[in-house]
Amino acid sequence: MTETTRPATVDATTLRELIDSGRAPRLLDVRTPAEFETLHIPGAYNVPLDLLKEHRAELRQHLDEDVVLICRSGARAGQARQALAEIGLPNLHVLDGGMLAWQATDAPIARGRQRWDLERQVRLVAGSIVLLAVLGSVVVPGLKWVAGFIGAGLTFAALSNTCAMGMLLSRLPYNRGASCDLDSVAGQLRQTGQRA
């Protein structure tokens, strides 16, 4: 099958059937280490989006089979797919609907320490800033522009399918979780590649 005939996404039911049949593709979860630690698909590897983008050429040599990219809803996985496709990596798919869709099928999940996912953190921070700016504008009228700035940022985030606030929040210690560096990821990918 050529790249042009391969779908860019795979639904949760199809992925589950592939895993159950023993034909599991390589699963790369591009969420933050903390999000991954909270819950993930058993057998998935955590390669946070920023690490993947920065070291995609090094990762390419460990990804010669079908790869399914996973995030919470599919947005970050889509960015990861684009980054890997730019270096010529074929056989890339995004889990349609991400972990939300996977959970909806009652598929197996590995659970760890529970944390808020990044999207929820963004909603809390953005909403809090807007609320405080609107309330504060009663005393300091210029604060309304802070709320406008956040609104503009959220609009841009939706149109560009990126989120600067999310990227900043992902760097907080709360979202770091277990250490996730290129050497450990490459080592894990290399080990499973030898067993296959």
N, C-alpha and C. Protein backbone atom coordinates (compact mmCIF):
# COMPACT_ATOMS: atom_id res chain seq x y z
N MET A 1 0.84 -1.18 0.00
CA MET A 1 0.00 0.00 0.00
C MET A 1 0.88 1.24 0.00
N THR A 2 0.65 2.17 -0.85
CA THR A 2 1.46 3.39 -0.91
C THR A 2 0.96 4.40 0.10
N GLU A 3 1.81 5.39 0.37
CA GLU A 3 1.46 6.42 1.35
C GLU A 3 0.20 7.16 0.93
N THR A 4 -0.03 7.33 -0.37
CA THR A 4 -1.20 8.07 -0.81
C THR A 4 -2.49 7.31 -0.56
N THR A 5 -2.42 5.98 -0.44
CA THR A 5 -3.63 5.21 -0.19
C THR A 5 -3.83 4.91 1.29
N ARG A 6 -2.84 5.19 2.10
CA ARG A 6 -2.96 4.94 3.54
C ARG A 6 -3.74 6.07 4.20
N PRO A 7 -4.66 5.75 5.07
CA PRO A 7 -5.35 6.83 5.78
C PRO A 7 -4.41 7.51 6.77
N ALA A 8 -4.59 8.80 6.96
CA ALA A 8 -3.76 9.55 7.90
C ALA A 8 -4.16 9.26 9.34
N THR A 9 -5.36 8.72 9.53
CA THR A 9 -5.83 8.41 10.89
C THR A 9 -6.24 6.95 10.98
N VAL A 10 -6.31 6.49 12.20
CA VAL A 10 -6.82 5.15 12.49
C VAL A 10 -7.78 5.31 13.67
N ASP A 11 -8.94 4.69 13.58
CA ASP A 11 -9.89 4.83 14.69
C ASP A 11 -9.53 3.87 15.82
N ALA A 12 -10.06 4.14 17.00
CA ALA A 12 -9.72 3.37 18.19
C ALA A 12 -10.09 1.90 18.06
N THR A 13 -11.22 1.60 17.45
CA THR A 13 -11.66 0.21 17.29
C THR A 13 -10.69 -0.56 16.40
N THR A 14 -10.29 0.04 15.29
CA THR A 14 -9.34 -0.62 14.38
C THR A 14 -8.00 -0.83 15.06
N LEU A 15 -7.52 0.18 15.79
CA LEU A 15 -6.25 0.04 16.49
C LEU A 15 -6.33 -1.08 17.52
N ARG A 16 -7.42 -1.14 18.24
CA ARG A 16 -7.58 -2.19 19.24
C ARG A 16 -7.57 -3.57 18.58
N GLU A 17 -8.22 -3.70 17.42
CA GLU A 17 -8.22 -4.98 16.69
C GLU A 17 -6.81 -5.35 16.24
N LEU A 18 -6.02 -4.37 15.77
CA LEU A 18 -4.65 -4.63 15.37
C LEU A 18 -3.81 -5.12 16.55
N ILE A 19 -3.96 -4.46 17.69
CA ILE A 19 -3.21 -4.85 18.88
C ILE A 19 -3.62 -6.25 19.34
N ASP A 20 -4.93 -6.51 19.38
CA ASP A 20 -5.42 -7.82 19.83
C ASP A 20 -5.00 -8.95 18.90
N SER A 21 -4.82 -8.64 17.61
CA SER A 21 -4.45 -9.68 16.65
C SER A 21 -2.94 -9.93 16.61
N GLY A 22 -2.17 -9.16 17.39
CA GLY A 22 -0.73 -9.33 17.40
C GLY A 22 -0.02 -8.55 16.29
N ARG A 23 -0.74 -7.70 15.57
CA ARG A 23 -0.14 -6.88 14.50
C ARG A 23 -0.07 -5.42 14.92
N ALA A 24 0.28 -5.20 16.16
CA ALA A 24 0.29 -3.84 16.70
C ALA A 24 1.34 -2.97 16.02
N PRO A 25 0.96 -1.78 15.60
CA PRO A 25 1.95 -0.83 15.10
C PRO A 25 2.74 -0.27 16.28
N ARG A 26 3.78 0.49 15.99
CA ARG A 26 4.52 1.18 17.04
C ARG A 26 3.64 2.32 17.53
N LEU A 27 3.40 2.40 18.83
CA LEU A 27 2.54 3.43 19.41
C LEU A 27 3.40 4.49 20.08
N LEU A 28 3.34 5.72 19.56
CA LEU A 28 4.09 6.83 20.15
C LEU A 28 3.10 7.83 20.72
N ASP A 29 3.15 8.01 22.02
CA ASP A 29 2.29 8.96 22.72
C ASP A 29 3.07 10.25 22.87
N VAL A 30 2.57 11.33 22.27
CA VAL A 30 3.31 12.59 22.22
C VAL A 30 2.88 13.58 23.31
N ARG A 31 2.12 13.12 24.29
CA ARG A 31 1.72 13.99 25.39
C ARG A 31 2.89 14.20 26.34
N THR A 32 2.70 15.06 27.33
CA THR A 32 3.75 15.29 28.32
C THR A 32 3.98 14.02 29.13
N PRO A 33 5.16 13.88 29.73
CA PRO A 33 5.41 12.71 30.57
C PRO A 33 4.38 12.54 31.69
N ALA A 34 3.93 13.65 32.27
CA ALA A 34 2.93 13.57 33.34
C ALA A 34 1.60 13.05 32.81
N GLU A 35 1.17 13.54 31.65
CA GLU A 35 -0.07 13.04 31.05
C GLU A 35 0.05 11.55 30.73
N PHE A 36 1.19 11.16 30.19
CA PHE A 36 1.43 9.76 29.86
C PHE A 36 1.40 8.90 31.11
N GLU A 37 2.06 9.39 32.17
CA GLU A 37 2.10 8.65 33.43
C GLU A 37 0.69 8.47 34.01
N THR A 38 -0.17 9.47 33.84
CA THR A 38 -1.52 9.40 34.37
C THR A 38 -2.30 8.26 33.72
N LEU A 39 -2.26 8.19 32.40
CA LEU A 39 -2.88 7.07 31.69
C LEU A 39 -2.36 7.00 30.27
N HIS A 40 -2.21 5.77 29.79
CA HIS A 40 -1.75 5.56 28.42
C HIS A 40 -2.15 4.17 27.94
N ILE A 41 -2.00 3.97 26.66
CA ILE A 41 -2.28 2.66 26.07
C ILE A 41 -1.11 1.74 26.41
N PRO A 42 -1.38 0.56 26.96
CA PRO A 42 -0.28 -0.37 27.27
C PRO A 42 0.56 -0.64 26.02
N GLY A 43 1.87 -0.59 26.19
CA GLY A 43 2.77 -0.83 25.07
C GLY A 43 3.18 0.42 24.32
N ALA A 44 2.60 1.57 24.67
CA ALA A 44 2.95 2.83 24.00
C ALA A 44 4.25 3.37 24.58
N TYR A 45 4.93 4.16 23.77
CA TYR A 45 6.16 4.82 24.18
C TYR A 45 5.88 6.31 24.28
N ASN A 46 6.41 6.93 25.33
CA ASN A 46 6.21 8.36 25.51
C ASN A 46 7.34 9.12 24.83
N VAL A 47 6.99 9.88 23.80
CA VAL A 47 7.92 10.75 23.08
C VAL A 47 7.23 12.11 23.01
N PRO A 48 7.39 12.95 24.04
CA PRO A 48 6.70 14.24 24.07
C PRO A 48 6.93 15.02 22.78
N LEU A 49 5.91 15.77 22.38
CA LEU A 49 5.93 16.48 21.10
C LEU A 49 7.17 17.35 20.94
N ASP A 50 7.57 18.09 21.97
CA ASP A 50 8.76 18.96 21.82
C ASP A 50 10.01 18.13 21.60
N LEU A 51 10.15 16.99 22.28
CA LEU A 51 11.29 16.10 22.09
C LEU A 51 11.27 15.51 20.68
N LEU A 52 10.10 15.09 20.23
CA LEU A 52 9.96 14.51 18.90
C LEU A 52 10.35 15.52 17.82
N LYS A 53 9.85 16.74 17.95
CA LYS A 53 10.16 17.76 16.94
C LYS A 53 11.66 18.08 16.92
N GLU A 54 12.24 18.16 18.09
CA GLU A 54 13.66 18.52 18.19
C GLU A 54 14.58 17.41 17.69
N HIS A 55 14.20 16.16 17.90
CA HIS A 55 15.08 15.02 17.59
C HIS A 55 14.45 14.05 16.59
N ARG A 56 13.62 14.55 15.70
CA ARG A 56 12.92 13.66 14.78
C ARG A 56 13.87 12.89 13.87
N ALA A 57 14.97 13.49 13.47
CA ALA A 57 15.92 12.79 12.60
C ALA A 57 16.55 11.61 13.33
N GLU A 58 16.89 11.78 14.61
CA GLU A 58 17.47 10.69 15.39
C GLU A 58 16.45 9.59 15.63
N LEU A 59 15.20 9.97 15.85
CA LEU A 59 14.15 8.97 16.10
C LEU A 59 13.80 8.18 14.84
N ARG A 60 13.99 8.79 13.68
CA ARG A 60 13.62 8.16 12.42
C ARG A 60 14.23 6.77 12.25
N GLN A 61 15.48 6.60 12.66
CA GLN A 61 16.15 5.32 12.47
C GLN A 61 15.54 4.20 13.32
N HIS A 62 14.70 4.53 14.29
CA HIS A 62 14.06 3.53 15.15
C HIS A 62 12.60 3.30 14.77
N LEU A 63 12.13 3.95 13.72
CA LEU A 63 10.71 3.91 13.36
C LEU A 63 10.52 3.48 11.91
N ASP A 64 10.78 2.22 11.62
CA ASP A 64 10.64 1.77 10.25
C ASP A 64 9.36 1.00 9.99
N GLU A 65 8.58 0.73 11.02
CA GLU A 65 7.30 0.04 10.83
C GLU A 65 6.15 1.05 10.89
N ASP A 66 4.92 0.54 10.84
CA ASP A 66 3.76 1.43 10.98
C ASP A 66 3.82 2.10 12.35
N VAL A 67 3.50 3.38 12.37
CA VAL A 67 3.53 4.16 13.61
C VAL A 67 2.18 4.83 13.79
N VAL A 68 1.63 4.71 15.00
CA VAL A 68 0.41 5.43 15.36
C VAL A 68 0.79 6.44 16.42
N LEU A 69 0.48 7.70 16.15
CA LEU A 69 0.78 8.80 17.06
C LEU A 69 -0.46 9.10 17.90
N ILE A 70 -0.24 9.30 19.19
CA ILE A 70 -1.35 9.42 20.14
C ILE A 70 -1.17 10.67 20.99
N CYS A 71 -2.26 11.37 21.24
CA CYS A 71 -2.29 12.45 22.23
C CYS A 71 -3.68 12.42 22.88
N ARG A 72 -4.08 13.49 23.50
CA ARG A 72 -5.38 13.49 24.18
C ARG A 72 -6.53 13.44 23.19
N SER A 73 -6.48 14.33 22.17
CA SER A 73 -7.62 14.44 21.25
C SER A 73 -7.24 14.26 19.79
N GLY A 74 -5.96 14.30 19.47
CA GLY A 74 -5.50 14.14 18.10
C GLY A 74 -4.75 15.34 17.56
N ALA A 75 -4.86 16.50 18.20
CA ALA A 75 -4.22 17.72 17.69
C ALA A 75 -2.70 17.65 17.74
N ARG A 76 -2.14 17.32 18.91
CA ARG A 76 -0.68 17.24 19.02
C ARG A 76 -0.13 16.08 18.19
N ALA A 77 -0.87 14.99 18.11
CA ALA A 77 -0.44 13.86 17.29
C ALA A 77 -0.40 14.27 15.81
N GLY A 78 -1.32 15.12 15.39
CA GLY A 78 -1.30 15.63 14.02
C GLY A 78 -0.06 16.47 13.76
N GLN A 79 0.35 17.27 14.74
CA GLN A 79 1.58 18.05 14.60
C GLN A 79 2.79 17.12 14.52
N ALA A 80 2.78 16.07 15.33
CA ALA A 80 3.87 15.10 15.31
C ALA A 80 3.94 14.40 13.96
N ARG A 81 2.78 14.05 13.42
CA ARG A 81 2.73 13.39 12.10
C ARG A 81 3.35 14.28 11.04
N GLN A 82 2.99 15.56 11.07
CA GLN A 82 3.53 16.50 10.09
C GLN A 82 5.04 16.61 10.23
N ALA A 83 5.54 16.69 11.47
CA ALA A 83 6.98 16.82 11.70
C ALA A 83 7.73 15.59 11.20
N LEU A 84 7.20 14.40 11.44
CA LEU A 84 7.85 13.18 10.99
C LEU A 84 7.72 12.98 9.49
N ALA A 85 6.60 13.39 8.93
CA ALA A 85 6.41 13.27 7.48
C ALA A 85 7.39 14.17 6.73
N GLU A 86 7.73 15.32 7.32
CA GLU A 86 8.67 16.25 6.69
C GLU A 86 10.06 15.64 6.51
N ILE A 87 10.42 14.65 7.32
CA ILE A 87 11.73 14.01 7.17
C ILE A 87 11.61 12.69 6.40
N GLY A 88 10.45 12.48 5.80
CA GLY A 88 10.28 11.34 4.91
C GLY A 88 9.87 10.04 5.58
N LEU A 89 9.38 10.08 6.79
CA LEU A 89 8.97 8.85 7.47
C LEU A 89 7.59 8.44 6.95
N PRO A 90 7.49 7.25 6.36
CA PRO A 90 6.19 6.78 5.85
C PRO A 90 5.40 6.08 6.97
N ASN A 91 4.25 5.60 6.62
CA ASN A 91 3.45 4.76 7.50
C ASN A 91 3.07 5.42 8.82
N LEU A 92 2.73 6.70 8.76
CA LEU A 92 2.34 7.45 9.96
C LEU A 92 0.83 7.59 10.03
N HIS A 93 0.29 7.35 11.20
CA HIS A 93 -1.14 7.49 11.41
C HIS A 93 -1.36 8.20 12.75
N VAL A 94 -2.48 8.87 12.85
CA VAL A 94 -2.88 9.54 14.09
C VAL A 94 -4.08 8.80 14.63
N LEU A 95 -4.08 8.51 15.93
CA LEU A 95 -5.25 7.89 16.56
C LEU A 95 -6.37 8.93 16.54
N ASP A 96 -7.38 8.69 15.73
CA ASP A 96 -8.50 9.61 15.57
C ASP A 96 -9.22 9.78 16.90
N GLY A 97 -9.26 11.00 17.40
CA GLY A 97 -9.90 11.27 18.68
C GLY A 97 -9.01 11.04 19.87
N GLY A 98 -7.80 10.56 19.65
CA GLY A 98 -6.81 10.38 20.71
C GLY A 98 -7.25 9.48 21.85
N MET A 99 -6.70 9.77 23.02
CA MET A 99 -7.01 8.97 24.21
C MET A 99 -8.48 9.06 24.59
N LEU A 100 -9.12 10.17 24.25
CA LEU A 100 -10.56 10.30 24.54
C LEU A 100 -11.34 9.22 23.80
N ALA A 101 -11.00 9.01 22.53
CA ALA A 101 -11.68 7.98 21.73
C ALA A 101 -11.30 6.59 22.22
N TRP A 102 -10.03 6.39 22.59
CA TRP A 102 -9.58 5.10 23.10
C TRP A 102 -10.35 4.73 24.37
N GLN A 103 -10.48 5.68 25.27
CA GLN A 103 -11.21 5.44 26.52
C GLN A 103 -12.68 5.16 26.25
N ALA A 104 -13.25 5.79 25.25
CA ALA A 104 -14.67 5.61 24.93
C ALA A 104 -14.97 4.18 24.48
N THR A 105 -13.97 3.46 24.00
CA THR A 105 -14.19 2.07 23.56
C THR A 105 -13.97 1.07 24.69
N ASP A 106 -13.70 1.56 25.89
CA ASP A 106 -13.40 0.71 27.05
C ASP A 106 -12.20 -0.19 26.79
N ALA A 107 -11.25 0.31 26.02
CA ALA A 107 -10.03 -0.43 25.72
C ALA A 107 -9.09 -0.41 26.94
N PRO A 108 -8.14 -1.33 26.99
CA PRO A 108 -7.22 -1.38 28.13
C PRO A 108 -6.42 -0.09 28.26
N ILE A 109 -6.22 0.32 29.51
CA ILE A 109 -5.48 1.54 29.82
C ILE A 109 -4.56 1.26 30.99
N ALA A 110 -3.33 1.71 30.89
CA ALA A 110 -2.40 1.65 32.02
C ALA A 110 -2.54 2.97 32.77
N ARG A 111 -2.83 2.87 34.06
CA ARG A 111 -3.04 4.08 34.88
C ARG A 111 -1.92 4.26 35.89
N GLY A 112 -1.63 5.52 36.18
CA GLY A 112 -0.63 5.89 37.17
C GLY A 112 -1.17 7.00 38.03
N ARG A 113 -0.26 7.83 38.53
CA ARG A 113 -0.65 8.96 39.36
C ARG A 113 -1.56 9.90 38.57
N GLN A 114 -2.69 10.26 39.13
CA GLN A 114 -3.67 11.10 38.43
C GLN A 114 -3.29 12.57 38.49
N ARG A 115 -3.35 13.21 37.32
CA ARG A 115 -3.08 14.65 37.17
C ARG A 115 -4.10 15.22 36.19
N TRP A 116 -4.22 16.53 36.20
CA TRP A 116 -5.06 17.20 35.20
C TRP A 116 -4.34 17.15 33.86
N ASP A 117 -5.09 16.90 32.78
CA ASP A 117 -4.46 16.92 31.46
C ASP A 117 -4.18 18.36 31.06
N LEU A 118 -3.33 18.51 30.08
CA LEU A 118 -2.85 19.83 29.67
C LEU A 118 -3.98 20.75 29.19
N GLU A 119 -4.91 20.21 28.46
CA GLU A 119 -6.02 21.04 27.96
C GLU A 119 -6.84 21.62 29.12
N ARG A 120 -7.06 20.83 30.14
CA ARG A 120 -7.80 21.31 31.31
C ARG A 120 -7.02 22.40 32.03
N GLN A 121 -5.70 22.25 32.11
CA GLN A 121 -4.86 23.27 32.73
C GLN A 121 -4.93 24.58 31.95
N VAL A 122 -4.92 24.48 30.62
CA VAL A 122 -5.01 25.68 29.78
C VAL A 122 -6.34 26.39 30.03
N ARG A 123 -7.42 25.62 30.09
CA ARG A 123 -8.74 26.23 30.34
C ARG A 123 -8.76 26.93 31.69
N LEU A 124 -8.16 26.31 32.71
CA LEU A 124 -8.13 26.92 34.05
C LEU A 124 -7.34 28.22 34.04
N VAL A 125 -6.14 28.19 33.48
CA VAL A 125 -5.28 29.39 33.48
C VAL A 125 -5.90 30.50 32.63
N ALA A 126 -6.32 30.17 31.41
CA ALA A 126 -6.91 31.20 30.53
C ALA A 126 -8.18 31.77 31.15
N GLY A 127 -9.04 30.91 31.65
CA GLY A 127 -10.29 31.38 32.27
C GLY A 127 -10.03 32.24 33.48
N SER A 128 -9.06 31.85 34.30
CA SER A 128 -8.73 32.63 35.50
C SER A 128 -8.19 34.01 35.13
N ILE A 129 -7.31 34.05 34.13
CA ILE A 129 -6.76 35.35 33.71
C ILE A 129 -7.87 36.26 33.18
N VAL A 130 -8.76 35.72 32.36
CA VAL A 130 -9.87 36.52 31.82
C VAL A 130 -10.77 37.01 32.95
N LEU A 131 -11.14 36.12 33.85
CA LEU A 131 -12.01 36.49 34.96
C LEU A 131 -11.37 37.58 35.81
N LEU A 132 -10.10 37.41 36.19
CA LEU A 132 -9.42 38.41 37.02
C LEU A 132 -9.26 39.74 36.27
N ALA A 133 -8.98 39.67 34.97
CA ALA A 133 -8.84 40.91 34.19
C ALA A 133 -10.15 41.66 34.11
N VAL A 134 -11.25 40.94 33.89
CA VAL A 134 -12.56 41.60 33.81
C VAL A 134 -12.94 42.19 35.17
N LEU A 135 -12.76 41.42 36.25
CA LEU A 135 -13.07 41.94 37.59
C LEU A 135 -12.16 43.12 37.94
N GLY A 136 -10.87 42.98 37.62
CA GLY A 136 -9.90 44.04 37.92
C GLY A 136 -10.12 45.29 37.10
N SER A 137 -10.75 45.16 35.93
CA SER A 137 -10.97 46.33 35.07
C SER A 137 -11.97 47.31 35.68
N VAL A 138 -12.69 46.87 36.71
CA VAL A 138 -13.58 47.79 37.43
C VAL A 138 -12.72 48.86 38.12
N VAL A 139 -11.56 48.44 38.61
CA VAL A 139 -10.66 49.37 39.31
C VAL A 139 -9.63 49.96 38.34
N VAL A 140 -9.07 49.11 37.49
CA VAL A 140 -8.06 49.53 36.52
C VAL A 140 -8.60 49.22 35.13
N PRO A 141 -9.23 50.20 34.46
CA PRO A 141 -9.91 49.96 33.19
C PRO A 141 -9.04 49.30 32.11
N GLY A 142 -7.75 49.54 32.12
CA GLY A 142 -6.88 48.97 31.10
C GLY A 142 -6.74 47.45 31.16
N LEU A 143 -7.13 46.86 32.29
CA LEU A 143 -7.01 45.39 32.42
C LEU A 143 -7.91 44.63 31.45
N LYS A 144 -8.92 45.31 30.91
CA LYS A 144 -9.79 44.62 29.96
C LYS A 144 -9.01 44.14 28.76
N TRP A 145 -7.89 44.82 28.45
CA TRP A 145 -7.08 44.42 27.30
C TRP A 145 -6.33 43.12 27.55
N VAL A 146 -6.09 42.81 28.80
CA VAL A 146 -5.48 41.51 29.13
C VAL A 146 -6.46 40.40 28.74
N ALA A 147 -7.73 40.58 29.08
CA ALA A 147 -8.75 39.61 28.69
C ALA A 147 -8.84 39.50 27.18
N GLY A 148 -8.75 40.64 26.49
CA GLY A 148 -8.77 40.64 25.03
C GLY A 148 -7.57 39.91 24.44
N PHE A 149 -6.41 40.10 25.05
CA PHE A 149 -5.19 39.43 24.60
C PHE A 149 -5.33 37.92 24.74
N ILE A 150 -5.87 37.46 25.86
CA ILE A 150 -6.07 36.02 26.07
C ILE A 150 -7.07 35.49 25.05
N GLY A 151 -8.14 36.23 24.81
CA GLY A 151 -9.12 35.82 23.79
C GLY A 151 -8.49 35.71 22.42
N ALA A 152 -7.64 36.67 22.07
CA ALA A 152 -6.95 36.63 20.78
C ALA A 152 -6.01 35.43 20.71
N GLY A 153 -5.33 35.15 21.82
CA GLY A 153 -4.43 33.99 21.87
C GLY A 153 -5.18 32.69 21.69
N LEU A 154 -6.34 32.57 22.32
CA LEU A 154 -7.15 31.35 22.18
C LEU A 154 -7.68 31.20 20.76
N THR A 155 -8.05 32.32 20.15
CA THR A 155 -8.51 32.29 18.75
C THR A 155 -7.38 31.83 17.83
N PHE A 156 -6.20 32.41 18.02
CA PHE A 156 -5.04 32.00 17.22
C PHE A 156 -4.73 30.53 17.45
N ALA A 157 -4.81 30.08 18.70
CA ALA A 157 -4.53 28.67 19.01
C ALA A 157 -5.48 27.75 18.26
N ALA A 158 -6.73 28.12 18.18
CA ALA A 158 -7.71 27.30 17.47
C ALA A 158 -7.44 27.30 15.97
N LEU A 159 -7.14 28.48 15.40
CA LEU A 159 -6.91 28.58 13.96
C LEU A 159 -5.62 27.89 13.52
N SER A 160 -4.58 27.97 14.35
CA SER A 160 -3.28 27.41 13.98
C SER A 160 -3.09 25.99 14.50
N ASN A 161 -4.02 25.52 15.34
CA ASN A 161 -3.93 24.19 15.95
C ASN A 161 -2.65 24.04 16.78
N THR A 162 -2.25 25.14 17.42
CA THR A 162 -1.12 25.16 18.34
C THR A 162 -1.58 25.89 19.59
N CYS A 163 -0.82 25.78 20.65
CA CYS A 163 -1.20 26.49 21.87
C CYS A 163 0.04 26.90 22.65
N ALA A 164 0.37 28.18 22.58
CA ALA A 164 1.56 28.69 23.28
C ALA A 164 1.43 28.48 24.78
N MET A 165 0.23 28.71 25.33
CA MET A 165 0.04 28.54 26.76
C MET A 165 0.23 27.07 27.15
N GLY A 166 -0.26 26.17 26.32
CA GLY A 166 -0.07 24.75 26.57
C GLY A 166 1.39 24.35 26.55
N MET A 167 2.13 24.93 25.59
CA MET A 167 3.57 24.64 25.51
C MET A 167 4.30 25.14 26.75
N LEU A 168 3.91 26.32 27.23
CA LEU A 168 4.53 26.85 28.45
C LEU A 168 4.17 26.01 29.66
N LEU A 169 2.89 25.65 29.79
CA LEU A 169 2.47 24.84 30.92
C LEU A 169 3.12 23.46 30.92
N SER A 170 3.39 22.92 29.74
CA SER A 170 4.00 21.58 29.66
C SER A 170 5.41 21.57 30.24
N ARG A 171 6.03 22.73 30.38
CA ARG A 171 7.38 22.81 30.94
C ARG A 171 7.41 22.90 32.46
N LEU A 172 6.25 23.07 33.07
CA LEU A 172 6.19 23.14 34.53
C LEU A 172 6.56 21.79 35.15
N PRO A 173 7.17 21.81 36.33
CA PRO A 173 7.52 20.54 36.99
C PRO A 173 6.32 19.59 37.16
N TYR A 174 5.14 20.15 37.39
CA TYR A 174 3.92 19.34 37.55
C TYR A 174 3.68 18.46 36.32
N ASN A 175 4.02 18.98 35.15
CA ASN A 175 3.78 18.26 33.90
C ASN A 175 4.98 17.45 33.43
N ARG A 176 6.05 17.50 34.13
CA ARG A 176 7.24 16.78 33.72
C ARG A 176 7.12 15.28 34.00
N GLY A 177 6.62 14.93 35.16
CA GLY A 177 6.48 13.51 35.49
C GLY A 177 7.82 12.82 35.43
N ALA A 178 7.81 11.57 34.99
CA ALA A 178 9.03 10.80 34.88
C ALA A 178 9.92 11.41 33.80
N SER A 179 11.20 11.21 33.95
CA SER A 179 12.15 11.73 32.98
C SER A 179 11.94 11.08 31.61
N CYS A 180 12.00 11.89 30.60
CA CYS A 180 11.81 11.39 29.24
C CYS A 180 12.82 12.11 28.35
N ASP A 181 13.94 11.43 28.04
CA ASP A 181 14.95 12.04 27.19
C ASP A 181 15.19 11.17 25.96
N LEU A 182 15.89 11.72 25.01
CA LEU A 182 16.12 11.04 23.74
C LEU A 182 16.81 9.69 23.93
N ASP A 183 17.83 9.64 24.78
CA ASP A 183 18.58 8.39 24.96
C ASP A 183 17.70 7.27 25.51
N SER A 184 16.85 7.58 26.50
CA SER A 184 15.99 6.54 27.07
C SER A 184 14.93 6.10 26.06
N VAL A 185 14.37 7.04 25.32
CA VAL A 185 13.36 6.70 24.31
C VAL A 185 13.99 5.84 23.22
N ALA A 186 15.15 6.27 22.71
CA ALA A 186 15.83 5.50 21.65
C ALA A 186 16.19 4.11 22.15
N GLY A 187 16.64 4.01 23.39
CA GLY A 187 16.97 2.70 23.97
C GLY A 187 15.77 1.78 24.03
N GLN A 188 14.63 2.30 24.44
CA GLN A 188 13.41 1.50 24.50
C GLN A 188 12.98 1.05 23.09
N LEU A 189 13.03 1.97 22.15
CA LEU A 189 12.64 1.63 20.77
C LEU A 189 13.59 0.59 20.17
N ARG A 190 14.88 0.71 20.47
CA ARG A 190 15.88 -0.22 19.97
C ARG A 190 15.65 -1.62 20.55
N GLN A 191 15.38 -1.70 21.86
CA GLN A 191 15.16 -3.00 22.50
C GLN A 191 13.98 -3.74 21.92
N THR A 192 12.86 -3.06 21.75
CA THR A 192 11.70 -3.74 21.21
C THR A 192 11.86 -4.07 19.75
N GLY A 193 12.63 -3.26 19.04
CA GLY A 193 12.91 -3.55 17.64
C GLY A 193 13.72 -4.83 17.49
N GLN A 194 14.62 -5.12 18.43
CA GLN A 194 15.43 -6.33 18.39
C GLN A 194 14.62 -7.56 18.74
N ARG A 195 13.61 -7.40 19.61
CA ARG A 195 12.77 -8.54 20.03
C ARG A 195 11.81 -8.96 18.95
N ALA A 196 11.41 -7.99 18.08
CA ALA A 196 10.40 -8.28 17.08
C ALA A 196 10.90 -9.24 16.02
